[in-house]
Amino acid sequence: MSHACHAPGCNRQVPPKMFACKDHWYQLRKKTRDAIWREYRPGQENDKNPSVRYLSVQRFACAELVFRPNDEAAALECGRYLAEAIRFREEAIEAGLGDPLGELSLSLKAQLSGVLLGKKELD
């Protein structure tokens, strides 16, 4: 049994517990990959009941994968994924589960500011 990589537009098949194919997995920042594993619950791929914390990090990772500097279409798609990530984040916080994005959102915000200002590439 397998499923498609969660990277938007990718149809590569991966094992059920894996988030993405190898190429897309290593396009994510290490902090994002670590957050996905931190929020992953063994068996969620079987019962199809991931936590809101996992869903928040998963949508955040998708936003990270679609982001491209100076690309309006990518910015719009990235924004949709970020909006979903924030919605799940708020659900987690309201349920008393803490902030699943924590340092991820601050770190990416700082990086995106540099990218958008043309000062650096996304790490």
C-alpha atoms as a PDB file:
ATOM      1  CA  MET A   1       0.000   0.000   0.000  1.00  0.00           C
ATOM      2  CA  SER A   2       1.271   3.496  -0.799  1.00  0.00           C
ATOM      3  CA  HIS A   3       0.052   7.035  -1.347  1.00  0.00           C
ATOM      4  CA  ALA A   4       1.110  10.024  -3.402  1.00  0.00           C
ATOM      5  CA  CYS A   5       3.786  12.374  -2.125  1.00  0.00           C
ATOM      6  CA  HIS A   6       2.149  15.307  -0.296  1.00  0.00           C
ATOM      7  CA  ALA A   7       4.121  17.867  -2.314  1.00  0.00           C
ATOM      8  CA  PRO A   8       1.644  19.795  -4.442  1.00  0.00           C
ATOM      9  CA  GLY A   9       1.606  18.423  -7.979  1.00  0.00           C
ATOM     10  CA  CYS A  10       3.739  15.368  -7.223  1.00  0.00           C
ATOM     11  CA  ASN A  11       2.235  11.948  -7.921  1.00  0.00           C
ATOM     12  CA  ARG A  12       5.207   9.810  -6.901  1.00  0.00           C
ATOM     13  CA  GLN A  13       4.124   6.927  -4.690  1.00  0.00           C
ATOM     14  CA  VAL A  14       5.666   6.682  -1.215  1.00  0.00           C
ATOM     15  CA  PRO A  15       5.161   4.329   1.744  1.00  0.00           C
ATOM     16  CA  PRO A  16       2.055   5.193   3.793  1.00  0.00           C
ATOM     17  CA  LYS A  17       3.895   6.692   6.768  1.00  0.00           C
ATOM     18  CA  MET A  18       6.121   8.906   4.618  1.00  0.00           C
ATOM     19  CA  PHE A  19       5.204  12.538   4.006  1.00  0.00           C
ATOM     20  CA  ALA A  20       6.956  12.999   0.672  1.00  0.00           C
ATOM     21  CA  CYS A  21       9.154  11.448  -1.957  1.00  0.00           C
ATOM     22  CA  LYS A  22      12.892  11.717  -1.383  1.00  0.00           C
ATOM     23  CA  ASP A  23      13.317  14.735  -3.693  1.00  0.00           C
ATOM     24  CA  HIS A  24      10.610  16.783  -1.997  1.00  0.00           C
ATOM     25  CA  TRP A  25      11.534  15.615   1.502  1.00  0.00           C
ATOM     26  CA  TYR A  26      15.039  17.036   1.115  1.00  0.00           C
ATOM     27  CA  GLN A  27      13.722  20.279  -0.380  1.00  0.00           C
ATOM     28  CA  LEU A  28      12.208  20.981   3.033  1.00  0.00           C
ATOM     29  CA  ARG A  29      14.298  22.682   5.689  1.00  0.00           C
ATOM     30  CA  LYS A  30      15.608  20.324   8.398  1.00  0.00           C
ATOM     31  CA  LYS A  31      13.467  22.122  10.987  1.00  0.00           C
ATOM     32  CA  THR A  32      10.367  21.399   8.923  1.00  0.00           C
ATOM     33  CA  ARG A  33      11.301  17.738   8.425  1.00  0.00           C
ATOM     34  CA  ASP A  34      11.908  17.407  12.170  1.00  0.00           C
ATOM     35  CA  ALA A  35       8.530  19.020  12.912  1.00  0.00           C
ATOM     36  CA  ILE A  36       6.746  16.558  10.612  1.00  0.00           C
ATOM     37  CA  TRP A  37       8.296  13.598  12.450  1.00  0.00           C
ATOM     38  CA  ARG A  38       7.647  15.248  15.838  1.00  0.00           C
ATOM     39  CA  GLU A  39       3.925  15.568  15.040  1.00  0.00           C
ATOM     40  CA  TYR A  40       3.558  12.223  13.259  1.00  0.00           C
ATOM     41  CA  ARG A  41       1.677   9.579  15.264  1.00  0.00           C
ATOM     42  CA  PRO A  42       2.412   5.980  14.321  1.00  0.00           C
ATOM     43  CA  GLY A  43      -0.716   4.496  12.787  1.00  0.00           C
ATOM     44  CA  GLN A  44      -2.285   7.762  11.603  1.00  0.00           C
ATOM     45  CA  GLU A  45      -1.772   6.583   8.041  1.00  0.00           C
ATOM     46  CA  ASN A  46      -3.997   3.596   8.837  1.00  0.00           C
ATOM     47  CA  ASP A  47      -6.791   5.213  10.834  1.00  0.00           C
ATOM     48  CA  LYS A  48      -6.740   8.400   8.683  1.00  0.00           C
ATOM     49  CA  ASN A  49      -6.988  10.522  11.836  1.00  0.00           C
ATOM     50  CA  PRO A  50      -3.928  12.800  12.039  1.00  0.00           C
ATOM     51  CA  SER A  51      -3.850  15.397  14.788  1.00  0.00           C
ATOM     52  CA  VAL A  52      -4.525  19.075  14.120  1.00  0.00           C
ATOM     53  CA  ARG A  53      -0.904  19.708  15.108  1.00  0.00           C
ATOM     54  CA  TYR A  54       0.260  17.333  12.357  1.00  0.00           C
ATOM     55  CA  LEU A  55      -2.128  18.880   9.828  1.00  0.00           C
ATOM     56  CA  SER A  56      -0.797  22.341  10.639  1.00  0.00           C
ATOM     57  CA  VAL A  57       2.816  21.277  10.098  1.00  0.00           C
ATOM     58  CA  GLN A  58       1.874  19.302   6.978  1.00  0.00           C
ATOM     59  CA  ARG A  59       0.176  22.314   5.355  1.00  0.00           C
ATOM     60  CA  PHE A  60       3.084  24.533   6.393  1.00  0.00           C
ATOM     61  CA  ALA A  61       5.479  22.110   4.681  1.00  0.00           C
ATOM     62  CA  CYS A  62       3.373  22.222   1.512  1.00  0.00           C
ATOM     63  CA  ALA A  63       3.574  26.028   1.591  1.00  0.00           C
ATOM     64  CA  GLU A  64       7.337  25.774   1.905  1.00  0.00           C
ATOM     65  CA  LEU A  65       7.493  23.445  -1.094  1.00  0.00           C
ATOM     66  CA  VAL A  66       5.462  25.686  -3.406  1.00  0.00           C
ATOM     67  CA  PHE A  67       7.113  28.987  -2.460  1.00  0.00           C
ATOM     68  CA  ARG A  68       9.145  30.552  -5.288  1.00  0.00           C
ATOM     69  CA  PRO A  69      10.612  34.068  -5.173  1.00  0.00           C
ATOM     70  CA  ASN A  70       9.126  36.522  -7.689  1.00  0.00           C
ATOM     71  CA  ASP A  71       6.363  34.100  -8.725  1.00  0.00           C
ATOM     72  CA  GLU A  72       2.874  35.484  -8.165  1.00  0.00           C
ATOM     73  CA  ALA A  73       1.069  32.197  -8.864  1.00  0.00           C
ATOM     74  CA  ALA A  74       3.352  30.371  -6.425  1.00  0.00           C
ATOM     75  CA  ALA A  75       2.776  33.113  -3.845  1.00  0.00           C
ATOM     76  CA  LEU A  76      -0.996  32.654  -4.125  1.00  0.00           C
ATOM     77  CA  GLU A  77      -0.701  28.877  -3.765  1.00  0.00           C
ATOM     78  CA  CYS A  78       1.725  29.289  -0.872  1.00  0.00           C
ATOM     79  CA  GLY A  79      -0.740  31.664   0.776  1.00  0.00           C
ATOM     80  CA  ARG A  80      -3.550  29.106   0.559  1.00  0.00           C
ATOM     81  CA  TYR A  81      -1.401  26.459   2.262  1.00  0.00           C
ATOM     82  CA  LEU A  82      -0.278  28.940   4.923  1.00  0.00           C
ATOM     83  CA  ALA A  83      -3.908  29.903   5.607  1.00  0.00           C
ATOM     84  CA  GLU A  84      -4.750  26.223   6.162  1.00  0.00           C
ATOM     85  CA  ALA A  85      -1.672  25.785   8.378  1.00  0.00           C
ATOM     86  CA  ILE A  86      -2.737  28.774  10.468  1.00  0.00           C
ATOM     87  CA  ARG A  87      -6.311  27.485  10.749  1.00  0.00           C
ATOM     88  CA  PHE A  88      -5.081  24.106  12.072  1.00  0.00           C
ATOM     89  CA  ARG A  89      -2.570  25.910  14.318  1.00  0.00           C
ATOM     90  CA  GLU A  90      -5.377  27.968  15.852  1.00  0.00           C
ATOM     91  CA  GLU A  91      -7.459  24.815  16.409  1.00  0.00           C
ATOM     92  CA  ALA A  92      -4.507  23.202  18.201  1.00  0.00           C
ATOM     93  CA  ILE A  93      -3.924  26.243  20.398  1.00  0.00           C
ATOM     94  CA  GLU A  94      -7.636  26.596  21.233  1.00  0.00           C
ATOM     95  CA  ALA A  95      -7.725  22.901  22.207  1.00  0.00           C
ATOM     96  CA  GLY A  96      -4.829  23.487  24.615  1.00  0.00           C
ATOM     97  CA  LEU A  97      -2.379  21.478  22.478  1.00  0.00           C
ATOM     98  CA  GLY A  98       0.167  24.264  22.053  1.00  0.00           C
ATOM     99  CA  ASP A  99       1.590  25.882  18.939  1.00  0.00           C
ATOM    100  CA  PRO A 100       2.680  23.238  16.406  1.00  0.00           C
ATOM    101  CA  LEU A 101       4.439  25.814  14.229  1.00  0.00           C
ATOM    102  CA  GLY A 102       6.333  27.503  17.055  1.00  0.00           C
ATOM    103  CA  GLU A 103       9.810  28.262  15.815  1.00  0.00           C
ATOM    104  CA  LEU A 104       8.991  27.194  12.253  1.00  0.00           C
ATOM    105  CA  SER A 105       6.840  30.199  11.489  1.00  0.00           C
ATOM    106  CA  LEU A 106       9.298  32.681  12.972  1.00  0.00           C
ATOM    107  CA  SER A 107      12.222  31.091  11.176  1.00  0.00           C
ATOM    108  CA  LEU A 108      10.460  30.950   7.810  1.00  0.00           C
ATOM    109  CA  LYS A 109       9.133  34.489   8.221  1.00  0.00           C
ATOM    110  CA  ALA A 110      12.680  35.780   8.668  1.00  0.00           C
ATOM    111  CA  GLN A 111      13.921  33.771   5.689  1.00  0.00           C
ATOM    112  CA  LEU A 112      11.056  34.818   3.441  1.00  0.00           C
ATOM    113  CA  SER A 113      11.675  38.460   4.309  1.00  0.00           C
ATOM    114  CA  GLY A 114      15.246  38.111   3.054  1.00  0.00           C
ATOM    115  CA  VAL A 115      14.164  36.260  -0.072  1.00  0.00           C
ATOM    116  CA  LEU A 116      11.431  38.744  -0.882  1.00  0.00           C
ATOM    117  CA  LEU A 117      13.894  41.604  -0.451  1.00  0.00           C
ATOM    118  CA  GLY A 118      16.270  39.823  -2.826  1.00  0.00           C
ATOM    119  CA  LYS A 119      18.943  39.399  -0.168  1.00  0.00           C
ATOM    120  CA  LYS A 120      19.176  35.605  -0.087  1.00  0.00           C
ATOM    121  CA  GLU A 121      17.880  32.250  -1.278  1.00  0.00           C
ATOM    122  CA  LEU A 122      15.551  30.123   0.868  1.00  0.00           C
ATOM    123  CA  ASP A 123      17.618  27.719   3.037  1.00  0.00           C
END
